[in-house]
Structures are given as C-alpha cells and as structure tokens.
Amino acid sequence: MLLDQVFLYAATFTRHLWDATAAVLYPSSPNTQQVARLPVLGYNTWNAYGCNIDEDLVLTDAKLMESLGLQEVGYNYINIDDCYAEKTRSADGFIIEDAVRFKRGMKNLTDEIHALGL
C-alpha cells in the first residue's frame, strides 16, 4: 500500500514537472507582454485521490511540491477539490470542513500550506 502511494506521488509529480518544464522552455505565445508565460499551475487533490483525502495527505503533498522544487517551475497552488466538507451546511449556510478528515480545521491547514509559499 505504501509503495503504491509513493509510486502515485512520483508519477503524478513527474508528469506535472514535465508539463511545467515544457511550458517554461516552449512558451505558447511569442508576445509575453500580452499573455502569461505560464498558465496558472497547481495541484488538484481530485485528480490523484478522489474522495480519499484528509489534512495529512494534503499537507504531505504540499511539502512534496516544495521539496521537489515544483514552485521554482511555477506550481503555486493546492486545490482541495471535493470531499473536504460535511454533507450539511452550518445554520448560517456556510460550508463546514469534514470534522474527521480535517480535524484541525481548514484555516490551520491553509496557514500551514501558505507557510510553505504556496
């Protein structure tokens, strides 16, 4: 199981690293004054894990982005796509993070991710 996760991390980040490197080396627009040199780059939890996420996994992936140098090639975002919230909203209508998967809260998680420069 652990080996499968390590392989998934390596395969996912390698694919994204190649994409980012290609975007830097071969920008699509000759006029970089009008079009961004790179598209907005980031990591989306849904693509790798579907609903099998929690705060530890998201933070681990953010740390991997930092340690693998993905920020240097333009990866600056973590997108927690789905399955992070309770099925019902608060009495005020706000989305509430899943109390089991994100027990320390979204603010704590996002503060930790932002501290990594993402």
C-alpha atoms as a PDB file:
ATOM      1  CA  MET A   1       0.000   0.000   0.000  1.00  0.00           C
ATOM      2  CA  LEU A   2       2.733   2.471   0.957  1.00  0.00           C
ATOM      3  CA  LEU A   3       4.710   1.589  -2.152  1.00  0.00           C
ATOM      4  CA  ASP A   4       1.610   2.252  -4.267  1.00  0.00           C
ATOM      5  CA  GLN A   5       1.240   5.698  -2.671  1.00  0.00           C
ATOM      6  CA  VAL A   6       4.896   6.525  -3.231  1.00  0.00           C
ATOM      7  CA  PHE A   7       4.596   5.464  -6.869  1.00  0.00           C
ATOM      8  CA  LEU A   8       1.435   7.570  -7.274  1.00  0.00           C
ATOM      9  CA  TYR A   9       3.197  10.623  -5.803  1.00  0.00           C
ATOM     10  CA  ALA A  10       6.214  10.121  -8.039  1.00  0.00           C
ATOM     11  CA  ALA A  11       4.166   9.534 -11.189  1.00  0.00           C
ATOM     12  CA  THR A  12       1.835  12.487 -10.552  1.00  0.00           C
ATOM     13  CA  PHE A  13       4.561  14.972  -9.717  1.00  0.00           C
ATOM     14  CA  THR A  14       6.840  13.769 -12.506  1.00  0.00           C
ATOM     15  CA  ARG A  15       4.070  14.267 -15.055  1.00  0.00           C
ATOM     16  CA  HIS A  16       3.336  17.752 -13.740  1.00  0.00           C
ATOM     17  CA  LEU A  17       7.014  18.635 -13.550  1.00  0.00           C
ATOM     18  CA  TRP A  18       7.489  17.706 -17.216  1.00  0.00           C
ATOM     19  CA  ASP A  19       4.426  19.745 -18.171  1.00  0.00           C
ATOM     20  CA  ALA A  20       5.691  22.767 -16.258  1.00  0.00           C
ATOM     21  CA  THR A  21       9.202  22.456 -17.673  1.00  0.00           C
ATOM     22  CA  ALA A  22       7.859  22.248 -21.210  1.00  0.00           C
ATOM     23  CA  ALA A  23       5.725  25.335 -20.600  1.00  0.00           C
ATOM     24  CA  VAL A  24       8.789  27.275 -19.454  1.00  0.00           C
ATOM     25  CA  LEU A  25      11.016  26.097 -22.284  1.00  0.00           C
ATOM     26  CA  TYR A  26       8.400  26.417 -25.020  1.00  0.00           C
ATOM     27  CA  PRO A  27       6.013  29.254 -24.155  1.00  0.00           C
ATOM     28  CA  SER A  28       2.935  29.230 -26.346  1.00  0.00           C
ATOM     29  CA  SER A  29       2.940  32.954 -27.042  1.00  0.00           C
ATOM     30  CA  PRO A  30       5.780  34.897 -28.660  1.00  0.00           C
ATOM     31  CA  ASN A  31       4.475  38.066 -27.002  1.00  0.00           C
ATOM     32  CA  THR A  32       4.809  37.542 -23.247  1.00  0.00           C
ATOM     33  CA  GLN A  33       3.624  41.102 -22.603  1.00  0.00           C
ATOM     34  CA  GLN A  34       0.052  40.117 -23.538  1.00  0.00           C
ATOM     35  CA  VAL A  35      -0.220  36.514 -22.399  1.00  0.00           C
ATOM     36  CA  ALA A  36       1.109  34.937 -19.236  1.00  0.00           C
ATOM     37  CA  ARG A  37       4.293  32.975 -19.776  1.00  0.00           C
ATOM     38  CA  LEU A  38       2.772  30.046 -17.876  1.00  0.00           C
ATOM     39  CA  PRO A  39      -0.809  29.098 -17.160  1.00  0.00           C
ATOM     40  CA  VAL A  40      -1.855  29.023 -13.530  1.00  0.00           C
ATOM     41  CA  LEU A  41      -0.191  25.857 -12.239  1.00  0.00           C
ATOM     42  CA  GLY A  42      -1.137  23.867  -9.206  1.00  0.00           C
ATOM     43  CA  TYR A  43      -2.090  20.544  -7.764  1.00  0.00           C
ATOM     44  CA  ASN A  44      -5.643  19.194  -7.602  1.00  0.00           C
ATOM     45  CA  THR A  45      -6.493  16.566  -4.982  1.00  0.00           C
ATOM     46  CA  TRP A  46      -9.342  15.089  -7.005  1.00  0.00           C
ATOM     47  CA  ASN A  47      -7.118  14.028  -9.900  1.00  0.00           C
ATOM     48  CA  ALA A  48      -4.941  11.852  -7.663  1.00  0.00           C
ATOM     49  CA  TYR A  49      -7.205  10.753  -4.812  1.00  0.00           C
ATOM     50  CA  GLY A  50     -10.876  11.413  -5.476  1.00  0.00           C
ATOM     51  CA  CYS A  51     -12.560  11.438  -2.070  1.00  0.00           C
ATOM     52  CA  ASN A  52      -9.734   9.650  -0.262  1.00  0.00           C
ATOM     53  CA  ILE A  53      -8.212  12.803   1.243  1.00  0.00           C
ATOM     54  CA  ASP A  54      -7.530  14.243   4.661  1.00  0.00           C
ATOM     55  CA  GLU A  55      -5.463  17.097   6.070  1.00  0.00           C
ATOM     56  CA  ASP A  56      -2.333  14.952   6.491  1.00  0.00           C
ATOM     57  CA  LEU A  57      -2.384  13.849   2.840  1.00  0.00           C
ATOM     58  CA  VAL A  58      -2.915  17.379   1.542  1.00  0.00           C
ATOM     59  CA  LEU A  59      -0.118  18.749   3.728  1.00  0.00           C
ATOM     60  CA  THR A  60       2.195  15.906   2.669  1.00  0.00           C
ATOM     61  CA  ASP A  61       1.556  16.733  -0.986  1.00  0.00           C
ATOM     62  CA  ALA A  62       2.220  20.427  -0.345  1.00  0.00           C
ATOM     63  CA  LYS A  63       5.532  19.554   1.316  1.00  0.00           C
ATOM     64  CA  LEU A  64       6.397  17.322  -1.638  1.00  0.00           C
ATOM     65  CA  MET A  65       5.715  20.194  -4.035  1.00  0.00           C
ATOM     66  CA  GLU A  66       8.187  22.265  -2.052  1.00  0.00           C
ATOM     67  CA  SER A  67      10.860  19.563  -1.672  1.00  0.00           C
ATOM     68  CA  LEU A  68      10.668  18.528  -5.347  1.00  0.00           C
ATOM     69  CA  GLY A  69      11.176  22.121  -6.460  1.00  0.00           C
ATOM     70  CA  LEU A  70       7.841  22.430  -8.222  1.00  0.00           C
ATOM     71  CA  GLN A  71       7.448  26.007  -7.003  1.00  0.00           C
ATOM     72  CA  GLU A  72      10.515  27.019  -8.999  1.00  0.00           C
ATOM     73  CA  VAL A  73       8.830  25.891 -12.213  1.00  0.00           C
ATOM     74  CA  GLY A  74       5.560  27.649 -11.477  1.00  0.00           C
ATOM     75  CA  TYR A  75       3.446  25.372  -9.287  1.00  0.00           C
ATOM     76  CA  ASN A  76       1.997  27.691  -6.670  1.00  0.00           C
ATOM     77  CA  TYR A  77      -1.451  26.342  -5.856  1.00  0.00           C
ATOM     78  CA  ILE A  78      -3.065  23.454  -3.996  1.00  0.00           C
ATOM     79  CA  ASN A  79      -6.692  22.898  -4.966  1.00  0.00           C
ATOM     80  CA  ILE A  80      -8.663  20.862  -2.448  1.00  0.00           C
ATOM     81  CA  ASP A  81     -11.320  19.965  -4.956  1.00  0.00           C
ATOM     82  CA  ASP A  82     -14.016  17.863  -3.304  1.00  0.00           C
ATOM     83  CA  CYS A  83     -14.890  15.688  -0.309  1.00  0.00           C
ATOM     84  CA  TYR A  84     -13.452  18.148   2.226  1.00  0.00           C
ATOM     85  CA  ALA A  85     -16.806  19.251   3.625  1.00  0.00           C
ATOM     86  CA  GLU A  86     -19.619  17.863   5.719  1.00  0.00           C
ATOM     87  CA  LYS A  87     -22.759  16.887   3.825  1.00  0.00           C
ATOM     88  CA  THR A  88     -24.764  19.663   5.516  1.00  0.00           C
ATOM     89  CA  ARG A  89     -24.008  23.333   5.951  1.00  0.00           C
ATOM     90  CA  SER A  90     -23.969  25.410   9.124  1.00  0.00           C
ATOM     91  CA  ALA A  91     -27.125  27.100  10.377  1.00  0.00           C
ATOM     92  CA  ASP A  92     -25.869  30.257   8.626  1.00  0.00           C
ATOM     93  CA  GLY A  93     -25.490  28.384   5.324  1.00  0.00           C
ATOM     94  CA  PHE A  94     -21.684  28.135   5.349  1.00  0.00           C
ATOM     95  CA  ILE A  95     -19.758  25.083   4.179  1.00  0.00           C
ATOM     96  CA  ILE A  96     -18.163  23.227   7.103  1.00  0.00           C
ATOM     97  CA  GLU A  97     -14.991  21.164   6.772  1.00  0.00           C
ATOM     98  CA  ASP A  98     -15.287  17.449   7.496  1.00  0.00           C
ATOM     99  CA  ALA A  99     -14.620  17.141  11.234  1.00  0.00           C
ATOM    100  CA  VAL A 100     -12.976  13.720  10.839  1.00  0.00           C
ATOM    101  CA  ARG A 101     -10.814  14.309   7.754  1.00  0.00           C
ATOM    102  CA  PHE A 102      -9.863  17.892   8.618  1.00  0.00           C
ATOM    103  CA  LYS A 103      -9.994  17.785  12.415  1.00  0.00           C
ATOM    104  CA  ARG A 104      -7.616  20.749  12.894  1.00  0.00           C
ATOM    105  CA  GLY A 105      -9.729  22.893  10.555  1.00  0.00           C
ATOM    106  CA  MET A 106      -9.230  24.425   7.132  1.00  0.00           C
ATOM    107  CA  LYS A 107      -7.702  27.629   8.472  1.00  0.00           C
ATOM    108  CA  ASN A 108      -4.933  25.668  10.167  1.00  0.00           C
ATOM    109  CA  LEU A 109      -4.309  23.618   7.008  1.00  0.00           C
ATOM    110  CA  THR A 110      -4.247  26.617   4.700  1.00  0.00           C
ATOM    111  CA  ASP A 111      -1.971  28.509   7.113  1.00  0.00           C
ATOM    112  CA  GLU A 112       0.496  25.596   7.001  1.00  0.00           C
ATOM    113  CA  ILE A 113       0.314  25.420   3.191  1.00  0.00           C
ATOM    114  CA  HIS A 114       0.776  29.198   2.866  1.00  0.00           C
ATOM    115  CA  ALA A 115       3.802  28.982   5.177  1.00  0.00           C
ATOM    116  CA  LEU A 116       5.396  26.728   2.529  1.00  0.00           C
ATOM    117  CA  GLY A 117       4.990  29.528  -0.013  1.00  0.00           C
ATOM    118  CA  LEU A 118       2.026  28.009  -1.827  1.00  0.00           C
END
